[in-house]
Structures are given as structure tokens and as C-alpha cells.
Amino acid sequence: MQQGEARFASECAVCHSAKADGPTMMGPNLHGLYGRTSGSLAGFSYSQAMKTRAVEWQMDSLQQFIAQPQAFVPGTYMPYVGLASADDRHAVACFLGAQK
């Protein structure tokens, strides 16, 4: 969990919060992400691609997305090239899964 929290802080927190009362930033708040459908958080302006993709965020889908966001959801607004390390992707996904 510690590795995931640290990697989230260094790679994701500039655009996303994962706290229950955290703000919507450049990206949507990721607290309670698991089970949520892509493009569905009220109050956030998603790309049409993210809304249309309609993937349910779970361990596997999240890891695929953060590996290569543009490949997983072509047309997403997320300007992130991806997290190369499979171990880091898994750690971030585990960290986010615990934020509920």
C-alpha cells in the first residue's frame, strides 16, 4: 500500500485527489473509483471518449488505463503517457482500491 500511495503522490496527485472530501482538480476525484463507470462522476467535464467507453473501473481495467491512457480510451483528455512499471501500476491500483 505504501508503494502505491507514494507512486500516486508522485505520478497522479498533481491532477487527482483520492480523498473522500478531496477536490475535483484537473482530473476527477478518484476516491471510491472502483465500481464507478468511466465518465460518470457528477460535476466533472469528461471527454466524450471517456463517457462512451463506459468501462467499470476495477483492478484490471485501471491498470490497463494507467499503462497507456490514450490506447485504452482513445480521445481521452488525460495528458499522461502512462506508467511503465507493472509493479507500480499494480501498487497504484491497490492504493486506489483501498480509497473507499
PDB file of N, CA and C in Angstrom:
ATOM      1  N   MET A   1       0.822  -1.191   0.000  1.00  0.00           N
ATOM      2  CA  MET A   1       0.000   0.000   0.000  1.00  0.00           C
ATOM      3  C   MET A   1       0.868   1.258   0.000  1.00  0.00           C
ATOM      4  N   GLN A   2       1.948   1.219   0.731  1.00  0.00           N
ATOM      5  CA  GLN A   2       2.840   2.370   0.837  1.00  0.00           C
ATOM      6  C   GLN A   2       3.439   2.729  -0.528  1.00  0.00           C
ATOM      7  N   GLN A   3       3.833   1.715  -1.295  1.00  0.00           N
ATOM      8  CA  GLN A   3       4.386   1.951  -2.630  1.00  0.00           C
ATOM      9  C   GLN A   3       3.332   2.610  -3.526  1.00  0.00           C
ATOM     10  N   GLY A   4       2.106   2.145  -3.457  1.00  0.00           N
ATOM     11  CA  GLY A   4       1.029   2.707  -4.266  1.00  0.00           C
ATOM     12  C   GLY A   4       0.723   4.138  -3.889  1.00  0.00           C
ATOM     13  N   GLU A   5       0.694   4.413  -2.601  1.00  0.00           N
ATOM     14  CA  GLU A   5       0.441   5.783  -2.150  1.00  0.00           C
ATOM     15  C   GLU A   5       1.559   6.716  -2.591  1.00  0.00           C
ATOM     16  N   ALA A   6       2.801   6.251  -2.488  1.00  0.00           N
ATOM     17  CA  ALA A   6       3.941   7.067  -2.906  1.00  0.00           C
ATOM     18  C   ALA A   6       3.930   7.307  -4.416  1.00  0.00           C
ATOM     19  N   ARG A   7       3.632   6.272  -5.179  1.00  0.00           N
ATOM     20  CA  ARG A   7       3.593   6.414  -6.637  1.00  0.00           C
ATOM     21  C   ARG A   7       2.422   7.303  -7.055  1.00  0.00           C
ATOM     22  N   PHE A   8       1.269   7.157  -6.373  1.00  0.00           N
ATOM     23  CA  PHE A   8       0.132   8.031  -6.651  1.00  0.00           C
ATOM     24  C   PHE A   8       0.534   9.483  -6.400  1.00  0.00           C
ATOM     25  N   ALA A   9       1.191   9.721  -5.273  1.00  0.00           N
ATOM     26  CA  ALA A   9       1.610  11.084  -4.917  1.00  0.00           C
ATOM     27  C   ALA A   9       2.549  11.674  -5.977  1.00  0.00           C
ATOM     28  N   SER A  10       3.439  10.860  -6.511  1.00  0.00           N
ATOM     29  CA  SER A  10       4.419  11.385  -7.471  1.00  0.00           C
ATOM     30  C   SER A  10       3.903  11.433  -8.903  1.00  0.00           C
ATOM     31  N   GLU A  11       2.976  10.564  -9.256  1.00  0.00           N
ATOM     32  CA  GLU A  11       2.524  10.468 -10.650  1.00  0.00           C
ATOM     33  C   GLU A  11       1.126  11.028 -10.898  1.00  0.00           C
ATOM     34  N   CYS A  12       0.266  10.984  -9.896  1.00  0.00           N
ATOM     35  CA  CYS A  12      -1.166  11.250 -10.126  1.00  0.00           C
ATOM     36  C   CYS A  12      -1.710  12.461  -9.376  1.00  0.00           C
ATOM     37  N   ALA A  13      -1.146  12.734  -8.201  1.00  0.00           N
ATOM     38  CA  ALA A  13      -1.735  13.734  -7.307  1.00  0.00           C
ATOM     39  C   ALA A  13      -1.659  15.159  -7.840  1.00  0.00           C
ATOM     40  N   VAL A  14      -0.859  15.405  -8.839  1.00  0.00           N
ATOM     41  CA  VAL A  14      -0.822  16.750  -9.414  1.00  0.00           C
ATOM     42  C   VAL A  14      -2.154  17.068 -10.098  1.00  0.00           C
ATOM     43  N   CYS A  15      -2.865  16.048 -10.546  1.00  0.00           N
ATOM     44  CA  CYS A  15      -4.144  16.237 -11.252  1.00  0.00           C
ATOM     45  C   CYS A  15      -5.345  15.618 -10.544  1.00  0.00           C
ATOM     46  N   HIS A  16      -5.111  14.675  -9.624  1.00  0.00           N
ATOM     47  CA  HIS A  16      -6.207  13.929  -8.992  1.00  0.00           C
ATOM     48  C   HIS A  16      -6.072  13.909  -7.479  1.00  0.00           C
ATOM     49  N   SER A  17      -7.208  13.975  -6.804  1.00  0.00           N
ATOM     50  CA  SER A  17      -7.283  13.711  -5.375  1.00  0.00           C
ATOM     51  C   SER A  17      -7.859  12.305  -5.210  1.00  0.00           C
ATOM     52  N   ALA A  18      -7.553  11.669  -4.082  1.00  0.00           N
ATOM     53  CA  ALA A  18      -8.150  10.366  -3.778  1.00  0.00           C
ATOM     54  C   ALA A  18      -8.761  10.386  -2.381  1.00  0.00           C
ATOM     55  N   LYS A  19      -8.997  11.585  -1.864  1.00  0.00           N
ATOM     56  CA  LYS A  19      -9.573  11.730  -0.517  1.00  0.00           C
ATOM     57  C   LYS A  19     -11.081  11.880  -0.609  1.00  0.00           C
ATOM     58  N   ALA A  20     -11.774  11.369   0.394  1.00  0.00           N
ATOM     59  CA  ALA A  20     -13.239  11.422   0.407  1.00  0.00           C
ATOM     60  C   ALA A  20     -13.755  12.841   0.241  1.00  0.00           C
ATOM     61  N   ASP A  21     -13.125  13.788   0.864  1.00  0.00           N
ATOM     62  CA  ASP A  21     -13.559  15.172   0.771  1.00  0.00           C
ATOM     63  C   ASP A  21     -12.625  15.988  -0.127  1.00  0.00           C
ATOM     64  N   GLY A  22     -11.844  15.273  -0.939  1.00  0.00           N
ATOM     65  CA  GLY A  22     -10.874  15.941  -1.803  1.00  0.00           C
ATOM     66  C   GLY A  22     -11.536  16.685  -2.947  1.00  0.00           C
ATOM     67  N   PRO A  23     -10.817  17.632  -3.497  1.00  0.00           N
ATOM     68  CA  PRO A  23     -11.379  18.449  -4.565  1.00  0.00           C
ATOM     69  C   PRO A  23     -11.349  17.747  -5.922  1.00  0.00           C
ATOM     70  N   THR A  24     -12.187  18.250  -6.808  1.00  0.00           N
ATOM     71  CA  THR A  24     -12.049  17.902  -8.213  1.00  0.00           C
ATOM     72  C   THR A  24     -10.973  18.837  -8.733  1.00  0.00           C
ATOM     73  N   MET A  25      -9.986  18.312  -9.372  1.00  0.00           N
ATOM     74  CA  MET A  25      -8.862  19.111  -9.844  1.00  0.00           C
ATOM     75  C   MET A  25      -8.882  19.100 -11.366  1.00  0.00           C
ATOM     76  N   MET A  26      -7.719  19.082 -11.980  1.00  0.00           N
ATOM     77  CA  MET A  26      -7.651  18.951 -13.435  1.00  0.00           C
ATOM     78  C   MET A  26      -8.307  17.638 -13.862  1.00  0.00           C
ATOM     79  N   GLY A  27      -8.177  16.626 -13.009  1.00  0.00           N
ATOM     80  CA  GLY A  27      -8.823  15.338 -13.217  1.00  0.00           C
ATOM     81  C   GLY A  27      -9.843  15.100 -12.122  1.00  0.00           C
ATOM     82  N   PRO A  28     -10.712  14.118 -12.299  1.00  0.00           N
ATOM     83  CA  PRO A  28     -11.738  13.848 -11.294  1.00  0.00           C
ATOM     84  C   PRO A  28     -11.150  13.273 -10.010  1.00  0.00           C
ATOM     85  N   ASN A  29     -11.880  13.429  -8.918  1.00  0.00           N
ATOM     86  CA  ASN A  29     -11.504  12.820  -7.656  1.00  0.00           C
ATOM     87  C   ASN A  29     -11.612  11.298  -7.822  1.00  0.00           C
ATOM     88  N   LEU A  30     -10.598  10.578  -7.393  1.00  0.00           N
ATOM     89  CA  LEU A  30     -10.549   9.130  -7.581  1.00  0.00           C
ATOM     90  C   LEU A  30     -10.967   8.347  -6.341  1.00  0.00           C
ATOM     91  N   HIS A  31     -11.425   9.036  -5.301  1.00  0.00           N
ATOM     92  CA  HIS A  31     -11.929   8.340  -4.116  1.00  0.00           C
ATOM     93  C   HIS A  31     -13.171   7.545  -4.520  1.00  0.00           C
ATOM     94  N   GLY A  32     -13.236   6.289  -4.141  1.00  0.00           N
ATOM     95  CA  GLY A  32     -14.382   5.452  -4.483  1.00  0.00           C
ATOM     96  C   GLY A  32     -14.437   5.073  -5.952  1.00  0.00           C
ATOM     97  N   LEU A  33     -13.289   5.052  -6.614  1.00  0.00           N
ATOM     98  CA  LEU A  33     -13.216   4.794  -8.050  1.00  0.00           C
ATOM     99  C   LEU A  33     -13.717   3.398  -8.434  1.00  0.00           C
ATOM    100  N   TYR A  34     -13.353   2.377  -7.657  1.00  0.00           N
ATOM    101  CA  TYR A  34     -13.720   1.011  -8.034  1.00  0.00           C
ATOM    102  C   TYR A  34     -15.237   0.850  -8.059  1.00  0.00           C
ATOM    103  N   GLY A  35     -15.722   0.298  -9.150  1.00  0.00           N
ATOM    104  CA  GLY A  35     -17.146   0.119  -9.341  1.00  0.00           C
ATOM    105  C   GLY A  35     -17.795   1.271 -10.079  1.00  0.00           C
ATOM    106  N   ARG A  36     -17.098   2.388 -10.190  1.00  0.00           N
ATOM    107  CA  ARG A  36     -17.620   3.552 -10.909  1.00  0.00           C
ATOM    108  C   ARG A  36     -17.437   3.318 -12.407  1.00  0.00           C
ATOM    109  N   THR A  37     -18.358   3.833 -13.199  1.00  0.00           N
ATOM    110  CA  THR A  37     -18.252   3.750 -14.648  1.00  0.00           C
ATOM    111  C   THR A  37     -17.478   4.965 -15.148  1.00  0.00           C
ATOM    112  N   SER A  38     -16.595   4.750 -16.094  1.00  0.00           N
ATOM    113  CA  SER A  38     -15.797   5.857 -16.629  1.00  0.00           C
ATOM    114  C   SER A  38     -16.711   6.967 -17.137  1.00  0.00           C
ATOM    115  N   GLY A  39     -16.283   8.194 -16.888  1.00  0.00           N
ATOM    116  CA  GLY A  39     -17.031   9.344 -17.358  1.00  0.00           C
ATOM    117  C   GLY A  39     -18.305   9.636 -16.610  1.00  0.00           C
ATOM    118  N   SER A  40     -18.435   9.141 -15.370  1.00  0.00           N
ATOM    119  CA  SER A  40     -19.724   9.256 -14.682  1.00  0.00           C
ATOM    120  C   SER A  40     -19.725  10.093 -13.406  1.00  0.00           C
ATOM    121  N   LEU A  41     -18.596  10.597 -12.951  1.00  0.00           N
ATOM    122  CA  LEU A  41     -18.581  11.375 -11.711  1.00  0.00           C
ATOM    123  C   LEU A  41     -19.264  12.717 -11.953  1.00  0.00           C
ATOM    124  N   ALA A  42     -20.318  12.966 -11.208  1.00  0.00           N
ATOM    125  CA  ALA A  42     -21.083  14.204 -11.365  1.00  0.00           C
ATOM    126  C   ALA A  42     -20.195  15.419 -11.123  1.00  0.00           C
ATOM    127  N   GLY A  43     -20.375  16.422 -11.964  1.00  0.00           N
ATOM    128  CA  GLY A  43     -19.652  17.669 -11.794  1.00  0.00           C
ATOM    129  C   GLY A  43     -18.312  17.739 -12.486  1.00  0.00           C
ATOM    130  N   PHE A  44     -17.890  16.659 -13.150  1.00  0.00           N
ATOM    131  CA  PHE A  44     -16.620  16.697 -13.864  1.00  0.00           C
ATOM    132  C   PHE A  44     -16.880  16.655 -15.362  1.00  0.00           C
ATOM    133  N   SER A  45     -16.136  17.441 -16.114  1.00  0.00           N
ATOM    134  CA  SER A  45     -16.310  17.531 -17.563  1.00  0.00           C
ATOM    135  C   SER A  45     -15.393  16.522 -18.263  1.00  0.00           C
ATOM    136  N   TYR A  46     -15.926  15.357 -18.556  1.00  0.00           N
ATOM    137  CA  TYR A  46     -15.176  14.289 -19.203  1.00  0.00           C
ATOM    138  C   TYR A  46     -15.184  14.453 -20.722  1.00  0.00           C
ATOM    139  N   SER A  47     -14.212  13.854 -21.376  1.00  0.00           N
ATOM    140  CA  SER A  47     -14.221  13.764 -22.835  1.00  0.00           C
ATOM    141  C   SER A  47     -15.367  12.848 -23.255  1.00  0.00           C
ATOM    142  N   GLN A  48     -15.843  13.046 -24.454  1.00  0.00           N
ATOM    143  CA  GLN A  48     -16.888  12.157 -24.974  1.00  0.00           C
ATOM    144  C   GLN A  48     -16.346  10.731 -25.044  1.00  0.00           C
ATOM    145  N   ALA A  49     -15.062  10.592 -25.350  1.00  0.00           N
ATOM    146  CA  ALA A  49     -14.439   9.262 -25.429  1.00  0.00           C
ATOM    147  C   ALA A  49     -14.533   8.523 -24.092  1.00  0.00           C
ATOM    148  N   MET A  50     -14.294   9.234 -22.995  1.00  0.00           N
ATOM    149  CA  MET A  50     -14.350   8.600 -21.670  1.00  0.00           C
ATOM    150  C   MET A  50     -15.783   8.214 -21.327  1.00  0.00           C
ATOM    151  N   LYS A  51     -16.733   9.065 -21.657  1.00  0.00           N
ATOM    152  CA  LYS A  51     -18.144   8.753 -21.387  1.00  0.00           C
ATOM    153  C   LYS A  51     -18.603   7.562 -22.231  1.00  0.00           C
ATOM    154  N   THR A  52     -18.212   7.550 -23.490  1.00  0.00           N
ATOM    155  CA  THR A  52     -18.634   6.493 -24.415  1.00  0.00           C
ATOM    156  C   THR A  52     -17.996   5.151 -24.066  1.00  0.00           C
ATOM    157  N   ARG A  53     -16.768   5.168 -23.590  1.00  0.00           N
ATOM    158  CA  ARG A  53     -16.046   3.927 -23.254  1.00  0.00           C
ATOM    159  C   ARG A  53     -16.810   3.119 -22.219  1.00  0.00           C
ATOM    160  N   ALA A  54     -17.382   3.800 -21.245  1.00  0.00           N
ATOM    161  CA  ALA A  54     -18.239   3.188 -20.228  1.00  0.00           C
ATOM    162  C   ALA A  54     -17.661   1.911 -19.625  1.00  0.00           C
ATOM    163  N   VAL A  55     -16.406   1.969 -19.221  1.00  0.00           N
ATOM    164  CA  VAL A  55     -15.765   0.836 -18.552  1.00  0.00           C
ATOM    165  C   VAL A  55     -16.004   0.962 -17.047  1.00  0.00           C
ATOM    166  N   GLU A  56     -16.203  -0.164 -16.392  1.00  0.00           N
ATOM    167  CA  GLU A  56     -16.286  -0.151 -14.934  1.00  0.00           C
ATOM    168  C   GLU A  56     -14.868  -0.250 -14.398  1.00  0.00           C
ATOM    169  N   TRP A  57     -14.485   0.694 -13.557  1.00  0.00           N
ATOM    170  CA  TRP A  57     -13.135   0.695 -13.009  1.00  0.00           C
ATOM    171  C   TRP A  57     -12.983  -0.384 -11.949  1.00  0.00           C
ATOM    172  N   GLN A  58     -12.077  -1.294 -12.230  1.00  0.00           N
ATOM    173  CA  GLN A  58     -11.680  -2.367 -11.326  1.00  0.00           C
ATOM    174  C   GLN A  58     -10.167  -2.516 -11.458  1.00  0.00           C
ATOM    175  N   MET A  59      -9.591  -3.451 -10.755  1.00  0.00           N
ATOM    176  CA  MET A  59      -8.139  -3.645 -10.755  1.00  0.00           C
ATOM    177  C   MET A  59      -7.583  -3.746 -12.180  1.00  0.00           C
ATOM    178  N   ASP A  60      -8.136  -4.624 -12.989  1.00  0.00           N
ATOM    179  CA  ASP A  60      -7.607  -4.875 -14.324  1.00  0.00           C
ATOM    180  C   ASP A  60      -7.791  -3.679 -15.254  1.00  0.00           C
ATOM    181  N   SER A  61      -8.989  -3.121 -15.298  1.00  0.00           N
ATOM    182  CA  SER A  61      -9.247  -2.000 -16.203  1.00  0.00           C
ATOM    183  C   SER A  61      -8.420  -0.783 -15.815  1.00  0.00           C
ATOM    184  N   LEU A  62      -8.268  -0.535 -14.530  1.00  0.00           N
ATOM    185  CA  LEU A  62      -7.474   0.607 -14.082  1.00  0.00           C
ATOM    186  C   LEU A  62      -6.004   0.439 -14.467  1.00  0.00           C
ATOM    187  N   GLN A  63      -5.468  -0.763 -14.286  1.00  0.00           N
ATOM    188  CA  GLN A  63      -4.072  -0.994 -14.647  1.00  0.00           C
ATOM    189  C   GLN A  63      -3.856  -0.827 -16.156  1.00  0.00           C
ATOM    190  N   GLN A  64      -4.805  -1.290 -16.951  1.00  0.00           N
ATOM    191  CA  GLN A  64      -4.690  -1.102 -18.403  1.00  0.00           C
ATOM    192  C   GLN A  64      -4.727   0.373 -18.759  1.00  0.00           C
ATOM    193  N   PHE A  65      -5.612   1.122 -18.117  1.00  0.00           N
ATOM    194  CA  PHE A  65      -5.730   2.548 -18.403  1.00  0.00           C
ATOM    195  C   PHE A  65      -4.470   3.307 -18.031  1.00  0.00           C
ATOM    196  N   ILE A  66      -3.947   3.084 -16.825  1.00  0.00           N
ATOM    197  CA  ILE A  66      -2.779   3.861 -16.427  1.00  0.00           C
ATOM    198  C   ILE A  66      -1.501   3.405 -17.117  1.00  0.00           C
ATOM    199  N   ALA A  67      -1.533   2.241 -17.759  1.00  0.00           N
ATOM    200  CA  ALA A  67      -0.385   1.818 -18.575  1.00  0.00           C
ATOM    201  C   ALA A  67      -0.284   2.684 -19.829  1.00  0.00           C
ATOM    202  N   GLN A  68      -1.411   2.919 -20.488  1.00  0.00           N
ATOM    203  CA  GLN A  68      -1.450   3.711 -21.721  1.00  0.00           C
ATOM    204  C   GLN A  68      -2.846   4.314 -21.874  1.00  0.00           C
ATOM    205  N   PRO A  69      -3.098   5.438 -21.226  1.00  0.00           N
ATOM    206  CA  PRO A  69      -4.443   6.025 -21.254  1.00  0.00           C
ATOM    207  C   PRO A  69      -4.991   6.254 -22.662  1.00  0.00           C
ATOM    208  N   GLN A  70      -4.180   6.765 -23.562  1.00  0.00           N
ATOM    209  CA  GLN A  70      -4.655   7.059 -24.915  1.00  0.00           C
ATOM    210  C   GLN A  70      -4.974   5.791 -25.704  1.00  0.00           C
ATOM    211  N   ALA A  71      -4.302   4.709 -25.409  1.00  0.00           N
ATOM    212  CA  ALA A  71      -4.586   3.443 -26.091  1.00  0.00           C
ATOM    213  C   ALA A  71      -5.856   2.795 -25.527  1.00  0.00           C
ATOM    214  N   PHE A  72      -6.060   2.899 -24.214  1.00  0.00           N
ATOM    215  CA  PHE A  72      -7.217   2.273 -23.576  1.00  0.00           C
ATOM    216  C   PHE A  72      -8.499   3.060 -23.851  1.00  0.00           C
ATOM    217  N   VAL A  73      -8.386   4.401 -23.866  1.00  0.00           N
ATOM    218  CA  VAL A  73      -9.529   5.264 -24.168  1.00  0.00           C
ATOM    219  C   VAL A  73      -9.063   6.303 -25.192  1.00  0.00           C
ATOM    220  N   PRO A  74      -9.019   5.910 -26.465  1.00  0.00           N
ATOM    221  CA  PRO A  74      -8.600   6.864 -27.493  1.00  0.00           C
ATOM    222  C   PRO A  74      -9.474   8.124 -27.457  1.00  0.00           C
ATOM    223  N   GLY A  75      -8.825   9.276 -27.361  1.00  0.00           N
ATOM    224  CA  GLY A  75      -9.555  10.528 -27.305  1.00  0.00           C
ATOM    225  C   GLY A  75      -9.755  11.069 -25.901  1.00  0.00           C
ATOM    226  N   THR A  76      -9.238  10.363 -24.880  1.00  0.00           N
ATOM    227  CA  THR A  76      -9.351  10.881 -23.518  1.00  0.00           C
ATOM    228  C   THR A  76      -8.600  12.204 -23.409  1.00  0.00           C
ATOM    229  N   TYR A  77      -9.075  13.057 -22.534  1.00  0.00           N
ATOM    230  CA  TYR A  77      -8.400  14.339 -22.288  1.00  0.00           C
ATOM    231  C   TYR A  77      -7.148  14.163 -21.432  1.00  0.00           C
ATOM    232  N   MET A  78      -6.980  13.011 -20.824  1.00  0.00           N
ATOM    233  CA  MET A  78      -5.880  12.816 -19.882  1.00  0.00           C
ATOM    234  C   MET A  78      -4.529  12.870 -20.600  1.00  0.00           C
ATOM    235  N   PRO A  79      -3.729  13.900 -20.303  1.00  0.00           N
ATOM    236  CA  PRO A  79      -2.458  14.087 -20.997  1.00  0.00           C
ATOM    237  C   PRO A  79      -1.300  13.354 -20.321  1.00  0.00           C
ATOM    238  N   TYR A  80      -1.467  12.084 -20.071  1.00  0.00           N
ATOM    239  CA  TYR A  80      -0.468  11.291 -19.353  1.00  0.00           C
ATOM    240  C   TYR A  80      -0.037  10.158 -20.270  1.00  0.00           C
ATOM    241  N   VAL A  81       1.275   9.965 -20.419  1.00  0.00           N
ATOM    242  CA  VAL A  81       1.768   8.941 -21.346  1.00  0.00           C
ATOM    243  C   VAL A  81       1.634   7.525 -20.797  1.00  0.00           C
ATOM    244  N   GLY A  82       1.540   7.395 -19.490  1.00  0.00           N
ATOM    245  CA  GLY A  82       1.369   6.075 -18.902  1.00  0.00           C
ATOM    246  C   GLY A  82       2.459   5.737 -17.910  1.00  0.00           C
ATOM    247  N   LEU A  83       2.175   4.773 -17.093  1.00  0.00           N
ATOM    248  CA  LEU A  83       3.093   4.304 -16.063  1.00  0.00           C
ATOM    249  C   LEU A  83       3.688   2.987 -16.546  1.00  0.00           C
ATOM    250  N   ALA A  84       4.976   2.990 -16.822  1.00  0.00           N
ATOM    251  CA  ALA A  84       5.632   1.857 -17.471  1.00  0.00           C
ATOM    252  C   ALA A  84       5.724   0.595 -16.607  1.00  0.00           C
ATOM    253  N   SER A  85       5.986   0.758 -15.338  1.00  0.00           N
ATOM    254  CA  SER A  85       6.226  -0.390 -14.462  1.00  0.00           C
ATOM    255  C   SER A  85       4.931  -1.098 -14.065  1.00  0.00           C
ATOM    256  N   ALA A  86       4.852  -2.387 -14.380  1.00  0.00           N
ATOM    257  CA  ALA A  86       3.683  -3.183 -13.994  1.00  0.00           C
ATOM    258  C   ALA A  86       3.531  -3.224 -12.473  1.00  0.00           C
ATOM    259  N   ASP A  87       4.637  -3.283 -11.750  1.00  0.00           N
ATOM    260  CA  ASP A  87       4.576  -3.297 -10.285  1.00  0.00           C
ATOM    261  C   ASP A  87       3.997  -1.990  -9.757  1.00  0.00           C
ATOM    262  N   ASP A  88       4.417  -0.874 -10.349  1.00  0.00           N
ATOM    263  CA  ASP A  88       3.891   0.428  -9.932  1.00  0.00           C
ATOM    264  C   ASP A  88       2.411   0.563 -10.278  1.00  0.00           C
ATOM    265  N   ARG A  89       2.010   0.087 -11.451  1.00  0.00           N
ATOM    266  CA  ARG A  89       0.595   0.131 -11.826  1.00  0.00           C
ATOM    267  C   ARG A  89      -0.251  -0.671 -10.842  1.00  0.00           C
ATOM    268  N   HIS A  90       0.234  -1.842 -10.496  1.00  0.00           N
ATOM    269  CA  HIS A  90      -0.483  -2.684  -9.534  1.00  0.00           C
ATOM    270  C   HIS A  90      -0.574  -1.981  -8.178  1.00  0.00           C
ATOM    271  N   ALA A  91       0.514  -1.394  -7.747  1.00  0.00           N
ATOM    272  CA  ALA A  91       0.537  -0.714  -6.446  1.00  0.00           C
ATOM    273  C   ALA A  91      -0.436   0.467  -6.420  1.00  0.00           C
ATOM    274  N   VAL A  92      -0.471   1.257  -7.495  1.00  0.00           N
ATOM    275  CA  VAL A  92      -1.402   2.393  -7.564  1.00  0.00           C
ATOM    276  C   VAL A  92      -2.842   1.885  -7.579  1.00  0.00           C
ATOM    277  N   ALA A  93      -3.096   0.831  -8.346  1.00  0.00           N
ATOM    278  CA  ALA A  93      -4.447   0.260  -8.405  1.00  0.00           C
ATOM    279  C   ALA A  93      -4.875  -0.262  -7.036  1.00  0.00           C
ATOM    280  N   CYS A  94      -3.978  -0.887  -6.301  1.00  0.00           N
ATOM    281  CA  CYS A  94      -4.300  -1.365  -4.950  1.00  0.00           C
ATOM    282  C   CYS A  94      -4.577  -0.184  -4.014  1.00  0.00           C
ATOM    283  N   PHE A  95      -3.759   0.836  -4.109  1.00  0.00           N
ATOM    284  CA  PHE A  95      -3.962   2.040  -3.288  1.00  0.00           C
ATOM    285  C   PHE A  95      -5.345   2.645  -3.556  1.00  0.00           C
ATOM    286  N   LEU A  96      -5.689   2.803  -4.841  1.00  0.00           N
ATOM    287  CA  LEU A  96      -6.980   3.391  -5.182  1.00  0.00           C
ATOM    288  C   LEU A  96      -8.137   2.485  -4.769  1.00  0.00           C
ATOM    289  N   GLY A  97      -7.940   1.183  -4.834  1.00  0.00           N
ATOM    290  CA  GLY A  97      -8.981   0.255  -4.403  1.00  0.00           C
ATOM    291  C   GLY A  97      -9.280   0.372  -2.911  1.00  0.00           C
ATOM    292  N   ALA A  98      -8.308   0.814  -2.140  1.00  0.00           N
ATOM    293  CA  ALA A  98      -8.489   0.970  -0.699  1.00  0.00           C
ATOM    294  C   ALA A  98      -9.122   2.312  -0.342  1.00  0.00           C
ATOM    295  N   GLN A  99      -9.269   3.192  -1.309  1.00  0.00           N
ATOM    296  CA  GLN A  99      -9.832   4.528  -1.057  1.00  0.00           C
ATOM    297  C   GLN A  99     -11.342   4.493  -1.264  1.00  0.00           C
ATOM    298  N   LYS A 100     -12.034   3.960  -0.271  1.00  0.00           N
ATOM    299  CA  LYS A 100     -13.493   3.832  -0.365  1.00  0.00           C
ATOM    300  C   LYS A 100     -14.172   4.174   0.925  1.00  0.00           C
TER     301      LYS A 100
END
